[in-house]
Full PDB file with SEQRES, HELIX, SHEET, SSBOND, CRYST1, ORIGX, SCALE, CONECT and MASTER records, all heavy atoms in Angstrom:
SEQRES   1 A   33  TYR GLY HIS PRO ARG VAL ARG ARG VAL PHE LYS LYS GLN          
SEQRES   2 A   33  CYS VAL HIS PHE ARG SER GLU GLY ALA ARG GLU TYR SER          
SEQRES   3 A   33  ASP GLN THR GLU ARG GLN LEU                                  
HELIX    1 AA1 LYS A   12  CYS A   14  5                                   3    
SHEET    1 AA1 2 PHE A  17  GLU A  20  0                                        
SHEET    2 AA1 2 ARG A  23  SER A  26 -1                                        
CRYST1    1.000    1.000    1.000  90.00  90.00  90.00 P 1           1          
ORIGX1      1.000000  0.000000  0.000000        0.00000                         
ORIGX2      0.000000  1.000000  0.000000        0.00000                         
ORIGX3      0.000000  0.000000  1.000000        0.00000                         
SCALE1      1.000000  0.000000  0.000000        0.00000                         
SCALE2      0.000000  1.000000  0.000000        0.00000                         
SCALE3      0.000000  0.000000  1.000000        0.00000                         
ATOM      1  N   TYR A   1       0.826  -1.227   0.018  1.00  0.00           N  
ATOM      2  CA  TYR A   1       0.020  -0.012   0.022  1.00  0.00           C  
ATOM      3  C   TYR A   1       0.877   1.251   0.020  1.00  0.00           C  
ATOM      4  O   TYR A   1       0.802   2.073  -0.908  1.00  0.00           O  
ATOM      5  CB  TYR A   1      -0.931  -0.047   1.243  1.00  0.00           C  
ATOM      6  CG  TYR A   1      -1.929   1.128   1.293  1.00  0.00           C  
ATOM      7  CD1 TYR A   1      -2.709   1.487   0.211  1.00  0.00           C  
ATOM      8  CD2 TYR A   1      -2.017   1.879   2.474  1.00  0.00           C  
ATOM      9  CE1 TYR A   1      -3.606   2.537   0.300  1.00  0.00           C  
ATOM     10  CE2 TYR A   1      -2.914   2.923   2.576  1.00  0.00           C  
ATOM     11  CZ  TYR A   1      -3.716   3.245   1.499  1.00  0.00           C  
ATOM     12  OH  TYR A   1      -4.571   4.286   1.531  1.00  0.00           O  
ATOM     13  N   GLY A   2       1.718   1.443   0.997  1.00  0.00           N  
ATOM     14  CA  GLY A   2       2.703   2.431   1.024  1.00  0.00           C  
ATOM     15  C   GLY A   2       2.154   3.876   1.092  1.00  0.00           C  
ATOM     16  O   GLY A   2       2.804   4.797   0.639  1.00  0.00           O  
ATOM     17  N   HIS A   3       0.950   4.060   1.645  1.00  0.00           N  
ATOM     18  CA  HIS A   3       0.391   5.407   1.628  1.00  0.00           C  
ATOM     19  C   HIS A   3       0.987   6.224   2.774  1.00  0.00           C  
ATOM     20  O   HIS A   3       1.113   5.698   3.892  1.00  0.00           O  
ATOM     21  CB  HIS A   3      -1.141   5.333   1.797  1.00  0.00           C  
ATOM     22  CG  HIS A   3      -1.887   6.567   1.434  1.00  0.00           C  
ATOM     23  ND1 HIS A   3      -1.776   7.734   2.177  1.00  0.00           N  
ATOM     24  CD2 HIS A   3      -2.720   6.859   0.387  1.00  0.00           C  
ATOM     25  CE1 HIS A   3      -2.516   8.694   1.565  1.00  0.00           C  
ATOM     26  NE2 HIS A   3      -3.046   8.184   0.532  1.00  0.00           N  
ATOM     27  N   PRO A   4       1.371   7.442   2.553  1.00  0.00           N  
ATOM     28  CA  PRO A   4       1.916   8.246   3.678  1.00  0.00           C  
ATOM     29  C   PRO A   4       0.862   8.630   4.640  1.00  0.00           C  
ATOM     30  O   PRO A   4      -0.377   8.440   4.422  1.00  0.00           O  
ATOM     31  CB  PRO A   4       2.452   9.488   2.919  1.00  0.00           C  
ATOM     32  CG  PRO A   4       1.604   9.591   1.743  1.00  0.00           C  
ATOM     33  CD  PRO A   4       1.307   8.205   1.279  1.00  0.00           C  
ATOM     34  N   ARG A   5       1.252   9.200   5.776  1.00  0.00           N  
ATOM     35  CA  ARG A   5       0.316   9.642   6.803  1.00  0.00           C  
ATOM     36  C   ARG A   5      -0.554  10.786   6.196  1.00  0.00           C  
ATOM     37  O   ARG A   5      -0.096  11.491   5.320  1.00  0.00           O  
ATOM     38  CB  ARG A   5       1.033  10.175   8.014  1.00  0.00           C  
ATOM     39  CG  ARG A   5       1.723   9.064   8.820  1.00  0.00           C  
ATOM     40  CD  ARG A   5       2.211   9.619  10.153  1.00  0.00           C  
ATOM     41  NE  ARG A   5       3.140  10.698   9.980  1.00  0.00           N  
ATOM     42  CZ  ARG A   5       4.403  10.656  10.052  1.00  0.00           C  
ATOM     43  NH1 ARG A   5       4.982   9.466  10.199  1.00  0.00           N  
ATOM     44  NH2 ARG A   5       5.160  11.747   9.901  1.00  0.00           N  
ATOM     45  N   VAL A   6      -1.767  10.859   6.657  1.00  0.00           N  
ATOM     46  CA  VAL A   6      -2.740  11.869   6.189  1.00  0.00           C  
ATOM     47  C   VAL A   6      -3.320  12.617   7.418  1.00  0.00           C  
ATOM     48  O   VAL A   6      -3.419  12.064   8.485  1.00  0.00           O  
ATOM     49  CB  VAL A   6      -3.885  11.260   5.398  1.00  0.00           C  
ATOM     50  CG1 VAL A   6      -3.386  10.697   4.058  1.00  0.00           C  
ATOM     51  CG2 VAL A   6      -4.606  10.165   6.167  1.00  0.00           C  
ATOM     52  N   ARG A   7      -3.602  13.948   7.238  1.00  0.00           N  
ATOM     53  CA  ARG A   7      -4.233  14.690   8.279  1.00  0.00           C  
ATOM     54  C   ARG A   7      -5.694  14.444   8.252  1.00  0.00           C  
ATOM     55  O   ARG A   7      -6.408  14.723   7.256  1.00  0.00           O  
ATOM     56  CB  ARG A   7      -3.908  16.163   8.094  1.00  0.00           C  
ATOM     57  CG  ARG A   7      -2.572  16.557   8.577  1.00  0.00           C  
ATOM     58  CD  ARG A   7      -2.345  18.067   8.515  1.00  0.00           C  
ATOM     59  NE  ARG A   7      -2.358  18.590   7.155  1.00  0.00           N  
ATOM     60  CZ  ARG A   7      -1.281  18.516   6.348  1.00  0.00           C  
ATOM     61  NH1 ARG A   7      -0.180  17.993   6.814  1.00  0.00           N  
ATOM     62  NH2 ARG A   7      -1.391  19.010   5.159  1.00  0.00           N  
ATOM     63  N   ARG A   8      -6.213  13.932   9.354  1.00  0.00           N  
ATOM     64  CA  ARG A   8      -7.686  13.651   9.455  1.00  0.00           C  
ATOM     65  C   ARG A   8      -8.371  14.269  10.695  1.00  0.00           C  
ATOM     66  O   ARG A   8      -9.566  14.326  10.763  1.00  0.00           O  
ATOM     67  CB  ARG A   8      -7.893  12.119   9.479  1.00  0.00           C  
ATOM     68  CG  ARG A   8      -7.660  11.449   8.220  1.00  0.00           C  
ATOM     69  CD  ARG A   8      -8.645  11.861   7.128  1.00  0.00           C  
ATOM     70  NE  ARG A   8      -8.547  10.944   5.998  1.00  0.00           N  
ATOM     71  CZ  ARG A   8      -9.211   9.842   5.872  1.00  0.00           C  
ATOM     72  NH1 ARG A   8      -9.943   9.407   6.867  1.00  0.00           N  
ATOM     73  NH2 ARG A   8      -9.058   9.074   4.812  1.00  0.00           N  
ATOM     74  N   VAL A   9      -7.556  14.641  11.672  1.00  0.00           N  
ATOM     75  CA  VAL A   9      -8.092  15.294  12.890  1.00  0.00           C  
ATOM     76  C   VAL A   9      -7.649  16.754  12.879  1.00  0.00           C  
ATOM     77  O   VAL A   9      -6.457  17.041  12.700  1.00  0.00           O  
ATOM     78  CB  VAL A   9      -7.595  14.595  14.183  1.00  0.00           C  
ATOM     79  CG1 VAL A   9      -8.194  15.224  15.409  1.00  0.00           C  
ATOM     80  CG2 VAL A   9      -7.958  13.112  14.167  1.00  0.00           C  
ATOM     81  N   PHE A  10      -8.638  17.655  13.020  1.00  0.00           N  
ATOM     82  CA  PHE A  10      -8.316  19.071  12.893  1.00  0.00           C  
ATOM     83  C   PHE A  10      -9.064  19.922  13.980  1.00  0.00           C  
ATOM     84  O   PHE A  10     -10.143  19.484  14.441  1.00  0.00           O  
ATOM     85  CB  PHE A  10      -8.802  19.649  11.547  1.00  0.00           C  
ATOM     86  CG  PHE A  10      -8.119  19.109  10.320  1.00  0.00           C  
ATOM     87  CD1 PHE A  10      -8.559  17.916   9.716  1.00  0.00           C  
ATOM     88  CD2 PHE A  10      -7.082  19.808   9.758  1.00  0.00           C  
ATOM     89  CE1 PHE A  10      -7.957  17.457   8.590  1.00  0.00           C  
ATOM     90  CE2 PHE A  10      -6.481  19.369   8.605  1.00  0.00           C  
ATOM     91  CZ  PHE A  10      -6.886  18.158   8.020  1.00  0.00           C  
ATOM     92  N   LYS A  11      -8.422  21.029  14.308  1.00  0.00           N  
ATOM     93  CA  LYS A  11      -9.255  22.060  14.936  1.00  0.00           C  
ATOM     94  C   LYS A  11     -10.149  22.609  13.777  1.00  0.00           C  
ATOM     95  O   LYS A  11      -9.628  22.891  12.707  1.00  0.00           O  
ATOM     96  CB  LYS A  11      -8.373  23.177  15.499  1.00  0.00           C  
ATOM     97  CG  LYS A  11      -7.573  22.721  16.720  1.00  0.00           C  
ATOM     98  CD  LYS A  11      -8.482  22.467  17.904  1.00  0.00           C  
ATOM     99  CE  LYS A  11      -7.709  21.999  19.137  1.00  0.00           C  
ATOM    100  NZ  LYS A  11      -6.756  23.031  19.660  1.00  0.00           N  
ATOM    101  N   LYS A  12     -11.390  22.802  14.065  1.00  0.00           N  
ATOM    102  CA  LYS A  12     -12.362  23.125  12.984  1.00  0.00           C  
ATOM    103  C   LYS A  12     -11.906  24.309  12.119  1.00  0.00           C  
ATOM    104  O   LYS A  12     -12.091  24.314  10.922  1.00  0.00           O  
ATOM    105  CB  LYS A  12     -13.712  23.328  13.622  1.00  0.00           C  
ATOM    106  CG  LYS A  12     -14.876  23.481  12.726  1.00  0.00           C  
ATOM    107  CD  LYS A  12     -16.204  23.425  13.464  1.00  0.00           C  
ATOM    108  CE  LYS A  12     -16.244  24.386  14.658  1.00  0.00           C  
ATOM    109  NZ  LYS A  12     -17.571  24.285  15.348  1.00  0.00           N  
ATOM    110  N   GLN A  13     -11.391  25.304  12.757  1.00  0.00           N  
ATOM    111  CA  GLN A  13     -11.068  26.547  12.034  1.00  0.00           C  
ATOM    112  C   GLN A  13      -9.797  26.371  11.149  1.00  0.00           C  
ATOM    113  O   GLN A  13      -9.503  27.238  10.356  1.00  0.00           O  
ATOM    114  CB  GLN A  13     -10.862  27.678  13.030  1.00  0.00           C  
ATOM    115  CG  GLN A  13      -9.615  27.561  13.890  1.00  0.00           C  
ATOM    116  CD  GLN A  13      -9.917  26.786  15.150  1.00  0.00           C  
ATOM    117  OE1 GLN A  13     -10.946  26.127  15.249  1.00  0.00           O  
ATOM    118  NE2 GLN A  13      -9.054  26.972  16.154  1.00  0.00           N  
ATOM    119  N   CYS A  14      -9.153  25.195  11.323  1.00  0.00           N  
ATOM    120  CA  CYS A  14      -7.866  24.948  10.532  1.00  0.00           C  
ATOM    121  C   CYS A  14      -8.098  24.107   9.334  1.00  0.00           C  
ATOM    122  O   CYS A  14      -7.120  23.789   8.642  1.00  0.00           O  
ATOM    123  CB  CYS A  14      -6.852  24.424  11.439  1.00  0.00           C  
ATOM    124  SG  CYS A  14      -6.364  25.452  12.815  1.00  0.00           S  
ATOM    125  N   VAL A  15      -9.319  23.726   9.007  1.00  0.00           N  
ATOM    126  CA  VAL A  15      -9.591  22.779   7.958  1.00  0.00           C  
ATOM    127  C   VAL A  15      -9.624  23.503   6.644  1.00  0.00           C  
ATOM    128  O   VAL A  15     -10.411  24.457   6.458  1.00  0.00           O  
ATOM    129  CB  VAL A  15     -10.916  22.040   8.153  1.00  0.00           C  
ATOM    130  CG1 VAL A  15     -11.223  21.169   6.960  1.00  0.00           C  
ATOM    131  CG2 VAL A  15     -10.863  21.206   9.449  1.00  0.00           C  
ATOM    132  N   HIS A  16      -8.812  23.051   5.641  1.00  0.00           N  
ATOM    133  CA  HIS A  16      -8.954  23.535   4.271  1.00  0.00           C  
ATOM    134  C   HIS A  16      -8.373  22.406   3.377  1.00  0.00           C  
ATOM    135  O   HIS A  16      -7.236  22.085   3.403  1.00  0.00           O  
ATOM    136  CB  HIS A  16      -8.239  24.828   4.021  1.00  0.00           C  
ATOM    137  CG  HIS A  16      -8.537  25.360   2.654  1.00  0.00           C  
ATOM    138  ND1 HIS A  16      -7.730  25.062   1.554  1.00  0.00           N  
ATOM    139  CD2 HIS A  16      -9.582  26.060   2.147  1.00  0.00           C  
ATOM    140  CE1 HIS A  16      -8.261  25.662   0.449  1.00  0.00           C  
ATOM    141  NE2 HIS A  16      -9.337  26.245   0.816  1.00  0.00           N  
ATOM    142  N   PHE A  17      -9.291  21.849   2.585  1.00  0.00           N  
ATOM    143  CA  PHE A  17      -8.911  20.860   1.584  1.00  0.00           C  
ATOM    144  C   PHE A  17      -9.030  21.454   0.161  1.00  0.00           C  
ATOM    145  O   PHE A  17      -9.855  22.276  -0.100  1.00  0.00           O  
ATOM    146  CB  PHE A  17      -9.808  19.634   1.681  1.00  0.00           C  
ATOM    147  CG  PHE A  17      -9.508  18.706   2.858  1.00  0.00           C  
ATOM    148  CD1 PHE A  17     -10.110  18.899   4.090  1.00  0.00           C  
ATOM    149  CD2 PHE A  17      -8.680  17.660   2.658  1.00  0.00           C  
ATOM    150  CE1 PHE A  17      -9.814  18.103   5.151  1.00  0.00           C  
ATOM    151  CE2 PHE A  17      -8.396  16.793   3.777  1.00  0.00           C  
ATOM    152  CZ  PHE A  17      -9.016  17.006   4.972  1.00  0.00           C  
ATOM    153  N   ARG A  18      -8.173  20.943  -0.697  1.00  0.00           N  
ATOM    154  CA  ARG A  18      -8.288  21.300  -2.123  1.00  0.00           C  
ATOM    155  C   ARG A  18      -8.201  20.033  -2.947  1.00  0.00           C  
ATOM    156  O   ARG A  18      -7.597  19.031  -2.544  1.00  0.00           O  
ATOM    157  CB  ARG A  18      -7.172  22.254  -2.497  1.00  0.00           C  
ATOM    158  CG  ARG A  18      -5.772  21.652  -2.372  1.00  0.00           C  
ATOM    159  CD  ARG A  18      -4.722  22.710  -2.711  1.00  0.00           C  
ATOM    160  NE  ARG A  18      -4.550  23.676  -1.635  1.00  0.00           N  
ATOM    161  CZ  ARG A  18      -3.897  24.819  -1.787  1.00  0.00           C  
ATOM    162  NH1 ARG A  18      -3.298  25.142  -2.955  1.00  0.00           N  
ATOM    163  NH2 ARG A  18      -3.759  25.686  -0.804  1.00  0.00           N  
ATOM    164  N   SER A  19      -8.849  20.039  -4.117  1.00  0.00           N  
ATOM    165  CA  SER A  19      -8.916  18.830  -4.977  1.00  0.00           C  
ATOM    166  C   SER A  19      -7.969  19.033  -6.158  1.00  0.00           C  
ATOM    167  O   SER A  19      -7.777  20.124  -6.627  1.00  0.00           O  
ATOM    168  CB  SER A  19     -10.342  18.650  -5.482  1.00  0.00           C  
ATOM    169  OG  SER A  19     -10.410  17.515  -6.275  1.00  0.00           O  
ATOM    170  N   GLU A  20      -7.384  17.888  -6.619  1.00  0.00           N  
ATOM    171  CA  GLU A  20      -6.561  17.903  -7.759  1.00  0.00           C  
ATOM    172  C   GLU A  20      -6.683  16.513  -8.443  1.00  0.00           C  
ATOM    173  O   GLU A  20      -6.207  15.569  -7.933  1.00  0.00           O  
ATOM    174  CB  GLU A  20      -5.101  18.129  -7.429  1.00  0.00           C  
ATOM    175  CG  GLU A  20      -4.212  18.282  -8.667  1.00  0.00           C  
ATOM    176  CD  GLU A  20      -2.825  18.776  -8.341  1.00  0.00           C  
ATOM    177  OE1 GLU A  20      -2.039  17.951  -7.906  1.00  0.00           O  
ATOM    178  OE2 GLU A  20      -2.569  19.985  -8.515  1.00  0.00           O  
ATOM    179  N   GLY A  21      -7.398  16.480  -9.578  1.00  0.00           N  
ATOM    180  CA  GLY A  21      -7.549  15.162 -10.213  1.00  0.00           C  
ATOM    181  C   GLY A  21      -8.413  14.274  -9.288  1.00  0.00           C  
ATOM    182  O   GLY A  21      -9.507  14.617  -8.858  1.00  0.00           O  
ATOM    183  N   ALA A  22      -7.911  13.075  -9.063  1.00  0.00           N  
ATOM    184  CA  ALA A  22      -8.586  12.090  -8.173  1.00  0.00           C  
ATOM    185  C   ALA A  22      -7.995  12.192  -6.785  1.00  0.00           C  
ATOM    186  O   ALA A  22      -8.274  11.297  -5.950  1.00  0.00           O  
ATOM    187  CB  ALA A  22      -8.426  10.707  -8.752  1.00  0.00           C  
ATOM    188  N   ARG A  23      -7.229  13.241  -6.476  1.00  0.00           N  
ATOM    189  CA  ARG A  23      -6.612  13.356  -5.154  1.00  0.00           C  
ATOM    190  C   ARG A  23      -7.084  14.577  -4.437  1.00  0.00           C  
ATOM    191  O   ARG A  23      -7.685  15.464  -5.020  1.00  0.00           O  
ATOM    192  CB  ARG A  23      -5.076  13.418  -5.374  1.00  0.00           C  
ATOM    193  CG  ARG A  23      -4.435  12.113  -5.865  1.00  0.00           C  
ATOM    194  CD  ARG A  23      -3.099  12.311  -6.542  1.00  0.00           C  
ATOM    195  NE  ARG A  23      -3.301  12.832  -7.917  1.00  0.00           N  
ATOM    196  CZ  ARG A  23      -2.876  13.997  -8.342  1.00  0.00           C  
ATOM    197  NH1 ARG A  23      -2.244  14.819  -7.537  1.00  0.00           N  
ATOM    198  NH2 ARG A  23      -3.082  14.380  -9.602  1.00  0.00           N  
ATOM    199  N   GLU A  24      -6.751  14.644  -3.153  1.00  0.00           N  
ATOM    200  CA  GLU A  24      -7.104  15.798  -2.347  1.00  0.00           C  
ATOM    201  C   GLU A  24      -5.938  16.061  -1.427  1.00  0.00           C  
ATOM    202  O   GLU A  24      -5.149  15.151  -1.085  1.00  0.00           O  
ATOM    203  CB  GLU A  24      -8.324  15.540  -1.507  1.00  0.00           C  
ATOM    204  CG  GLU A  24      -8.205  14.437  -0.494  1.00  0.00           C  
ATOM    205  CD  GLU A  24      -9.440  14.310   0.377  1.00  0.00           C  
ATOM    206  OE1 GLU A  24     -10.309  15.116   0.316  1.00  0.00           O  
ATOM    207  OE2 GLU A  24      -9.430  13.280   1.180  1.00  0.00           O  
ATOM    208  N   TYR A  25      -5.722  17.320  -1.098  1.00  0.00           N  
ATOM    209  CA  TYR A  25      -4.682  17.686  -0.219  1.00  0.00           C  
ATOM    210  C   TYR A  25      -5.270  18.667   0.846  1.00  0.00           C  
ATOM    211  O   TYR A  25      -6.145  19.517   0.529  1.00  0.00           O  
ATOM    212  CB  TYR A  25      -3.560  18.496  -0.965  1.00  0.00           C  
ATOM    213  CG  TYR A  25      -2.957  17.684  -2.055  1.00  0.00           C  
ATOM    214  CD1 TYR A  25      -3.021  18.117  -3.411  1.00  0.00           C  
ATOM    215  CD2 TYR A  25      -2.252  16.473  -1.829  1.00  0.00           C  
ATOM    216  CE1 TYR A  25      -2.500  17.390  -4.446  1.00  0.00           C  
ATOM    217  CE2 TYR A  25      -1.678  15.754  -2.875  1.00  0.00           C  
ATOM    218  CZ  TYR A  25      -1.796  16.206  -4.159  1.00  0.00           C  
ATOM    219  OH  TYR A  25      -1.278  15.467  -5.176  1.00  0.00           O  
ATOM    220  N   SER A  26      -4.767  18.606   2.033  1.00  0.00           N  
ATOM    221  CA  SER A  26      -5.155  19.544   3.106  1.00  0.00           C  
ATOM    222  C   SER A  26      -3.962  20.525   3.299  1.00  0.00           C  
ATOM    223  O   SER A  26      -2.798  20.142   3.204  1.00  0.00           O  
ATOM    224  CB  SER A  26      -5.455  18.868   4.407  1.00  0.00           C  
ATOM    225  OG  SER A  26      -4.353  18.146   4.902  1.00  0.00           O  
ATOM    226  N   ASP A  27      -4.300  21.783   3.514  1.00  0.00           N  
ATOM    227  CA  ASP A  27      -3.258  22.803   3.751  1.00  0.00           C  
ATOM    228  C   ASP A  27      -2.513  22.492   5.039  1.00  0.00           C  
ATOM    229  O   ASP A  27      -3.166  21.914   6.004  1.00  0.00           O  
ATOM    230  CB  ASP A  27      -3.853  24.210   3.812  1.00  0.00           C  
ATOM    231  CG  ASP A  27      -4.327  24.716   2.470  1.00  0.00           C  
ATOM    232  OD1 ASP A  27      -4.079  24.013   1.481  1.00  0.00           O  
ATOM    233  OD2 ASP A  27      -4.897  25.834   2.432  1.00  0.00           O  
ATOM    234  N   GLN A  28      -1.290  22.871   5.118  1.00  0.00           N  
ATOM    235  CA  GLN A  28      -0.523  22.639   6.348  1.00  0.00           C  
ATOM    236  C   GLN A  28      -1.037  23.541   7.499  1.00  0.00           C  
ATOM    237  O   GLN A  28      -1.605  24.583   7.253  1.00  0.00           O  
ATOM    238  CB  GLN A  28       0.972  22.841   6.115  1.00  0.00           C  
ATOM    239  CG  GLN A  28       1.362  24.254   5.813  1.00  0.00           C  
ATOM    240  CD  GLN A  28       2.878  24.358   5.667  1.00  0.00           C  
ATOM    241  OE1 GLN A  28       3.612  23.607   6.256  1.00  0.00           O  
ATOM    242  NE2 GLN A  28       3.340  25.327   4.879  1.00  0.00           N  
ATOM    243  N   THR A  29      -0.804  23.136   8.695  1.00  0.00           N  
ATOM    244  CA  THR A  29      -1.207  23.873   9.885  1.00  0.00           C  
ATOM    245  C   THR A  29       0.049  24.160  10.695  1.00  0.00           C  
ATOM    246  O   THR A  29       1.084  23.542  10.568  1.00  0.00           O  
ATOM    247  CB  THR A  29      -2.190  23.063  10.723  1.00  0.00           C  
ATOM    248  OG1 THR A  29      -1.635  21.822  11.106  1.00  0.00           O  
ATOM    249  CG2 THR A  29      -3.480  22.812   9.909  1.00  0.00           C  
ATOM    250  N   GLU A  30      -0.101  25.097  11.635  1.00  0.00           N  
ATOM    251  CA  GLU A  30       1.073  25.596  12.383  1.00  0.00           C  
ATOM    252  C   GLU A  30       1.493  24.518  13.389  1.00  0.00           C  
ATOM    253  O   GLU A  30       2.711  24.244  13.502  1.00  0.00           O  
ATOM    254  CB  GLU A  30       0.693  26.860  13.098  1.00  0.00           C  
ATOM    255  CG  GLU A  30       1.853  27.475  13.911  1.00  0.00           C  
ATOM    256  CD  GLU A  30       1.493  28.781  14.514  1.00  0.00           C  
ATOM    257  OE1 GLU A  30       0.376  29.332  14.147  1.00  0.00           O  
ATOM    258  OE2 GLU A  30       2.229  29.254  15.390  1.00  0.00           O  
ATOM    259  N   ARG A  31       0.512  23.898  14.091  1.00  0.00           N  
ATOM    260  CA  ARG A  31       0.916  22.885  15.104  1.00  0.00           C  
ATOM    261  C   ARG A  31       0.322  21.530  14.738  1.00  0.00           C  
ATOM    262  O   ARG A  31      -0.888  21.378  14.628  1.00  0.00           O  
ATOM    263  CB  ARG A  31       0.336  23.299  16.463  1.00  0.00           C  
ATOM    264  CG  ARG A  31       0.941  24.679  16.946  1.00  0.00           C  
ATOM    265  CD  ARG A  31       0.217  25.148  18.170  1.00  0.00           C  
ATOM    266  NE  ARG A  31      -1.250  25.437  17.948  1.00  0.00           N  
ATOM    267  CZ  ARG A  31      -2.048  25.890  18.789  1.00  0.00           C  
ATOM    268  NH1 ARG A  31      -1.635  26.220  20.017  1.00  0.00           N  
ATOM    269  NH2 ARG A  31      -3.371  26.089  18.513  1.00  0.00           N  
ATOM    270  N   GLN A  32       1.189  20.631  14.491  1.00  0.00           N  
ATOM    271  CA  GLN A  32       0.748  19.276  13.953  1.00  0.00           C  
ATOM    272  C   GLN A  32       1.362  18.169  14.832  1.00  0.00           C  
ATOM    273  O   GLN A  32       2.497  18.143  15.173  1.00  0.00           O  
ATOM    274  CB  GLN A  32       1.239  19.154  12.550  1.00  0.00           C  
ATOM    275  CG  GLN A  32       0.782  17.893  11.866  1.00  0.00           C  
ATOM    276  CD  GLN A  32       1.167  17.934  10.377  1.00  0.00           C  
ATOM    277  OE1 GLN A  32       0.537  18.714   9.601  1.00  0.00           O  
ATOM    278  NE2 GLN A  32       2.046  17.106   9.953  1.00  0.00           N  
ATOM    279  N   LEU A  33       0.499  17.205  15.108  1.00  0.00           N  
ATOM    280  CA  LEU A  33       0.888  16.009  15.911  1.00  0.00           C  
ATOM    281  C   LEU A  33       0.750  14.785  14.935  1.00  0.00           C  
ATOM    282  O   LEU A  33       0.172  14.861  13.919  1.00  0.00           O  
ATOM    283  CB  LEU A  33       0.059  15.858  17.112  1.00  0.00           C  
ATOM    284  CG  LEU A  33       0.126  16.976  18.145  1.00  0.00           C  
ATOM    285  CD1 LEU A  33      -0.802  16.672  19.327  1.00  0.00           C  
ATOM    286  CD2 LEU A  33       1.517  17.227  18.671  1.00  0.00           C  
TER     287      LEU A  33                                                      
MASTER        0    0    0    1    2    0    0    6  286    1    0    3          
END                                                                             
């Protein structure tokens, strides 16, 4: 499979996803665990 880690838990105000083709990316956040 080899999928990298994904961001799935957020502070609500920090959520922003964008779409590209069949993929999606979330914007980086200042404090990440």
